[in-house]
N, C-alpha and C. Protein backbone atom coordinates (compact mmCIF):
# COMPACT_ATOMS: atom_id res chain seq x y z
N MET A 1 0.83 -1.18 0.00
CA MET A 1 0.00 0.00 0.00
C MET A 1 0.88 1.24 0.00
N LYS A 2 0.54 2.20 -0.84
CA LYS A 2 1.28 3.45 -0.91
C LYS A 2 0.89 4.37 0.24
N PRO A 3 1.78 5.28 0.62
CA PRO A 3 1.39 6.25 1.64
C PRO A 3 0.30 7.18 1.10
N SER A 4 -0.45 7.73 2.01
CA SER A 4 -1.51 8.64 1.63
C SER A 4 -0.93 9.85 0.91
N PRO A 5 -1.53 10.28 -0.23
CA PRO A 5 -1.00 11.45 -0.93
C PRO A 5 -1.20 12.74 -0.14
N LEU A 6 -2.16 12.72 0.78
CA LEU A 6 -2.39 13.87 1.64
C LEU A 6 -1.98 13.50 3.05
N PRO A 7 -0.94 14.10 3.58
CA PRO A 7 -0.44 13.71 4.89
C PRO A 7 -1.49 13.84 5.99
N GLU A 8 -2.40 14.79 5.87
CA GLU A 8 -3.41 14.98 6.91
C GLU A 8 -4.57 14.00 6.80
N THR A 9 -4.63 13.22 5.71
CA THR A 9 -5.68 12.24 5.51
C THR A 9 -5.26 10.91 6.12
N PRO A 10 -6.08 10.37 7.02
CA PRO A 10 -5.71 9.07 7.60
C PRO A 10 -5.59 8.00 6.51
N VAL A 11 -4.71 7.04 6.75
CA VAL A 11 -4.47 5.97 5.77
C VAL A 11 -5.75 5.18 5.51
N LEU A 12 -6.60 5.00 6.51
CA LEU A 12 -7.83 4.25 6.33
C LEU A 12 -8.68 4.85 5.21
N LEU A 13 -8.81 6.16 5.20
CA LEU A 13 -9.60 6.80 4.14
C LEU A 13 -8.96 6.59 2.79
N HIS A 14 -7.64 6.69 2.74
CA HIS A 14 -6.93 6.52 1.47
C HIS A 14 -7.07 5.08 0.97
N ALA A 15 -7.03 4.12 1.88
CA ALA A 15 -7.12 2.71 1.50
C ALA A 15 -8.49 2.38 0.95
N ARG A 16 -9.54 2.99 1.48
CA ARG A 16 -10.89 2.72 0.99
C ARG A 16 -11.10 3.28 -0.41
N GLY A 17 -10.38 4.33 -0.74
CA GLY A 17 -10.50 4.90 -2.07
C GLY A 17 -11.89 5.45 -2.36
N LEU A 18 -12.48 6.12 -1.39
CA LEU A 18 -13.81 6.67 -1.60
C LEU A 18 -13.77 7.71 -2.73
N PRO A 19 -14.80 7.70 -3.55
CA PRO A 19 -14.81 8.62 -4.69
C PRO A 19 -15.04 10.06 -4.27
N ASP A 20 -14.52 10.95 -5.04
CA ASP A 20 -14.75 12.37 -4.83
C ASP A 20 -15.81 12.78 -5.85
N SER A 21 -17.06 12.38 -5.60
CA SER A 21 -18.14 12.48 -6.59
C SER A 21 -19.11 13.61 -6.30
N TRP A 22 -18.65 14.66 -5.71
CA TRP A 22 -19.53 15.78 -5.36
C TRP A 22 -20.26 16.31 -6.60
N GLY A 23 -19.60 16.36 -7.73
CA GLY A 23 -20.19 16.90 -8.95
C GLY A 23 -21.33 16.07 -9.51
N GLU A 24 -21.42 14.80 -9.16
CA GLU A 24 -22.47 13.92 -9.67
C GLU A 24 -23.79 14.08 -8.92
N LEU A 25 -23.77 14.75 -7.77
CA LEU A 25 -24.97 14.88 -6.96
C LEU A 25 -25.86 16.01 -7.45
N SER A 26 -27.17 15.82 -7.27
CA SER A 26 -28.12 16.89 -7.61
C SER A 26 -28.01 17.99 -6.56
N GLU A 27 -28.60 19.12 -6.84
CA GLU A 27 -28.57 20.24 -5.88
C GLU A 27 -29.23 19.84 -4.56
N ARG A 28 -30.32 19.09 -4.62
CA ARG A 28 -31.02 18.68 -3.40
C ARG A 28 -30.16 17.72 -2.58
N GLU A 29 -29.45 16.82 -3.26
CA GLU A 29 -28.56 15.90 -2.55
C GLU A 29 -27.40 16.66 -1.90
N LYS A 30 -26.91 17.69 -2.58
CA LYS A 30 -25.88 18.53 -1.98
C LYS A 30 -26.43 19.26 -0.77
N ASP A 31 -27.70 19.69 -0.85
CA ASP A 31 -28.34 20.34 0.29
C ASP A 31 -28.43 19.39 1.48
N VAL A 32 -28.67 18.11 1.23
CA VAL A 32 -28.73 17.11 2.30
C VAL A 32 -27.38 17.04 3.02
N VAL A 33 -26.31 16.97 2.27
CA VAL A 33 -24.97 16.91 2.87
C VAL A 33 -24.67 18.19 3.63
N LYS A 34 -24.99 19.35 3.04
CA LYS A 34 -24.74 20.63 3.70
C LYS A 34 -25.55 20.75 4.98
N SER A 35 -26.80 20.29 4.95
CA SER A 35 -27.64 20.39 6.15
C SER A 35 -27.11 19.51 7.27
N LEU A 36 -26.50 18.39 6.92
CA LEU A 36 -25.89 17.54 7.94
C LEU A 36 -24.76 18.27 8.66
N HIS A 37 -23.99 19.04 7.92
CA HIS A 37 -22.90 19.81 8.53
C HIS A 37 -23.48 20.87 9.45
N GLU A 38 -24.53 21.56 8.98
CA GLU A 38 -25.13 22.63 9.77
C GLU A 38 -25.84 22.09 11.01
N ALA A 39 -26.35 20.87 10.94
CA ALA A 39 -27.06 20.26 12.08
C ALA A 39 -26.11 19.39 12.92
N GLU A 40 -24.81 19.60 12.73
CA GLU A 40 -23.79 18.85 13.46
C GLU A 40 -23.98 17.35 13.33
N LEU A 41 -24.22 16.89 12.11
CA LEU A 41 -24.33 15.48 11.73
C LEU A 41 -25.50 14.75 12.41
N ASN A 42 -26.56 15.48 12.70
CA ASN A 42 -27.77 14.89 13.26
C ASN A 42 -28.82 14.79 12.15
N PRO A 43 -29.10 13.58 11.65
CA PRO A 43 -30.02 13.43 10.52
C PRO A 43 -31.43 13.97 10.79
N LYS A 44 -31.93 13.78 12.00
CA LYS A 44 -33.29 14.24 12.31
C LYS A 44 -33.37 15.77 12.23
N GLN A 45 -32.39 16.45 12.80
CA GLN A 45 -32.37 17.92 12.74
C GLN A 45 -32.12 18.41 11.33
N ALA A 46 -31.29 17.69 10.58
CA ALA A 46 -31.01 18.09 9.19
C ALA A 46 -32.27 17.98 8.34
N ALA A 47 -33.05 16.91 8.54
CA ALA A 47 -34.30 16.75 7.80
C ALA A 47 -35.28 17.86 8.14
N LYS A 48 -35.35 18.20 9.41
CA LYS A 48 -36.25 19.28 9.85
C LYS A 48 -35.83 20.61 9.23
N LYS A 49 -34.54 20.86 9.18
CA LYS A 49 -34.01 22.09 8.59
C LYS A 49 -34.39 22.20 7.11
N LEU A 50 -34.40 21.06 6.41
CA LEU A 50 -34.76 21.06 4.99
C LEU A 50 -36.27 21.02 4.77
N GLY A 51 -37.03 20.77 5.84
CA GLY A 51 -38.48 20.70 5.71
C GLY A 51 -38.96 19.41 5.06
N ILE A 52 -38.22 18.32 5.31
CA ILE A 52 -38.60 17.01 4.75
C ILE A 52 -38.67 16.01 5.89
N SER A 53 -39.32 14.87 5.62
CA SER A 53 -39.38 13.82 6.64
C SER A 53 -38.05 13.09 6.72
N LEU A 54 -37.88 12.38 7.82
CA LEU A 54 -36.66 11.59 7.98
C LEU A 54 -36.59 10.49 6.92
N ASN A 55 -37.75 9.95 6.53
CA ASN A 55 -37.76 8.92 5.48
C ASN A 55 -37.28 9.49 4.15
N THR A 56 -37.72 10.69 3.81
CA THR A 56 -37.25 11.34 2.58
C THR A 56 -35.76 11.62 2.66
N PHE A 57 -35.32 12.07 3.82
CA PHE A 57 -33.90 12.33 4.03
C PHE A 57 -33.09 11.06 3.80
N ASN A 58 -33.57 9.93 4.35
CA ASN A 58 -32.86 8.66 4.17
C ASN A 58 -32.90 8.18 2.72
N ALA A 59 -33.96 8.52 2.00
CA ALA A 59 -34.02 8.18 0.57
C ALA A 59 -32.93 8.95 -0.18
N HIS A 60 -32.74 10.21 0.16
CA HIS A 60 -31.65 11.00 -0.45
C HIS A 60 -30.30 10.38 -0.10
N ARG A 61 -30.15 9.95 1.15
CA ARG A 61 -28.90 9.32 1.58
C ARG A 61 -28.61 8.07 0.75
N ARG A 62 -29.64 7.25 0.53
CA ARG A 62 -29.45 6.03 -0.27
C ARG A 62 -29.05 6.37 -1.71
N THR A 63 -29.67 7.41 -2.27
CA THR A 63 -29.33 7.83 -3.64
C THR A 63 -27.89 8.32 -3.72
N ILE A 64 -27.48 9.08 -2.70
CA ILE A 64 -26.10 9.56 -2.65
C ILE A 64 -25.14 8.37 -2.61
N CYS A 65 -25.48 7.37 -1.80
CA CYS A 65 -24.63 6.17 -1.70
C CYS A 65 -24.53 5.45 -3.03
N GLN A 66 -25.65 5.36 -3.76
CA GLN A 66 -25.64 4.69 -5.05
C GLN A 66 -24.80 5.46 -6.07
N LYS A 67 -25.02 6.78 -6.15
CA LYS A 67 -24.30 7.59 -7.13
C LYS A 67 -22.80 7.60 -6.87
N CYS A 68 -22.42 7.62 -5.60
CA CYS A 68 -21.01 7.73 -5.24
C CYS A 68 -20.36 6.37 -4.99
N LYS A 69 -21.15 5.30 -5.20
CA LYS A 69 -20.66 3.93 -5.02
C LYS A 69 -20.10 3.72 -3.61
N LEU A 70 -20.87 4.16 -2.61
CA LEU A 70 -20.50 4.00 -1.21
C LEU A 70 -21.12 2.71 -0.67
N ASP A 71 -20.36 1.99 0.13
CA ASP A 71 -20.84 0.72 0.68
C ASP A 71 -21.40 0.93 2.08
N GLY A 72 -22.63 1.39 2.16
CA GLY A 72 -23.31 1.48 3.43
C GLY A 72 -23.19 2.82 4.12
N VAL A 73 -23.78 2.85 5.31
CA VAL A 73 -23.89 4.08 6.07
C VAL A 73 -22.52 4.57 6.56
N GLY A 74 -21.65 3.64 6.93
CA GLY A 74 -20.32 4.04 7.40
C GLY A 74 -19.55 4.82 6.35
N ASP A 75 -19.54 4.32 5.13
CA ASP A 75 -18.87 5.04 4.05
C ASP A 75 -19.57 6.36 3.76
N PHE A 76 -20.89 6.41 3.92
CA PHE A 76 -21.63 7.66 3.72
C PHE A 76 -21.14 8.73 4.69
N TRP A 77 -20.98 8.36 5.97
CA TRP A 77 -20.54 9.34 6.96
C TRP A 77 -19.12 9.80 6.69
N ILE A 78 -18.27 8.91 6.22
CA ILE A 78 -16.91 9.31 5.86
C ILE A 78 -16.95 10.27 4.67
N PHE A 79 -17.81 9.97 3.69
CA PHE A 79 -17.97 10.85 2.53
C PHE A 79 -18.44 12.24 2.97
N VAL A 80 -19.42 12.28 3.88
CA VAL A 80 -19.94 13.56 4.38
C VAL A 80 -18.81 14.35 5.05
N GLU A 81 -18.01 13.68 5.85
CA GLU A 81 -16.90 14.36 6.52
C GLU A 81 -15.90 14.90 5.50
N ARG A 82 -15.66 14.15 4.44
CA ARG A 82 -14.69 14.59 3.42
C ARG A 82 -15.23 15.76 2.61
N CYS A 83 -16.55 15.96 2.60
CA CYS A 83 -17.15 17.06 1.85
C CYS A 83 -17.15 18.36 2.64
N ARG A 84 -16.67 18.35 3.86
CA ARG A 84 -16.64 19.56 4.69
C ARG A 84 -15.71 20.57 4.10
């Protein structure tokens, strides 16, 4: 395994090779990620901030995972952190 190209990036993130697919997301999906940052990563508060139900919020999360080829919720949270 090669060293991480970004010294401040933990090796675990580099090894997973998560995509940098921000450009593939729709504006609403980007709003979902931004609202998570503003709500301090609380999905329920983020959904309320956007004026949508938690089920709709989770549907956006699943779509983001599919578009960015993320394997589950854990990779989703890492992706959200990398989008900060």
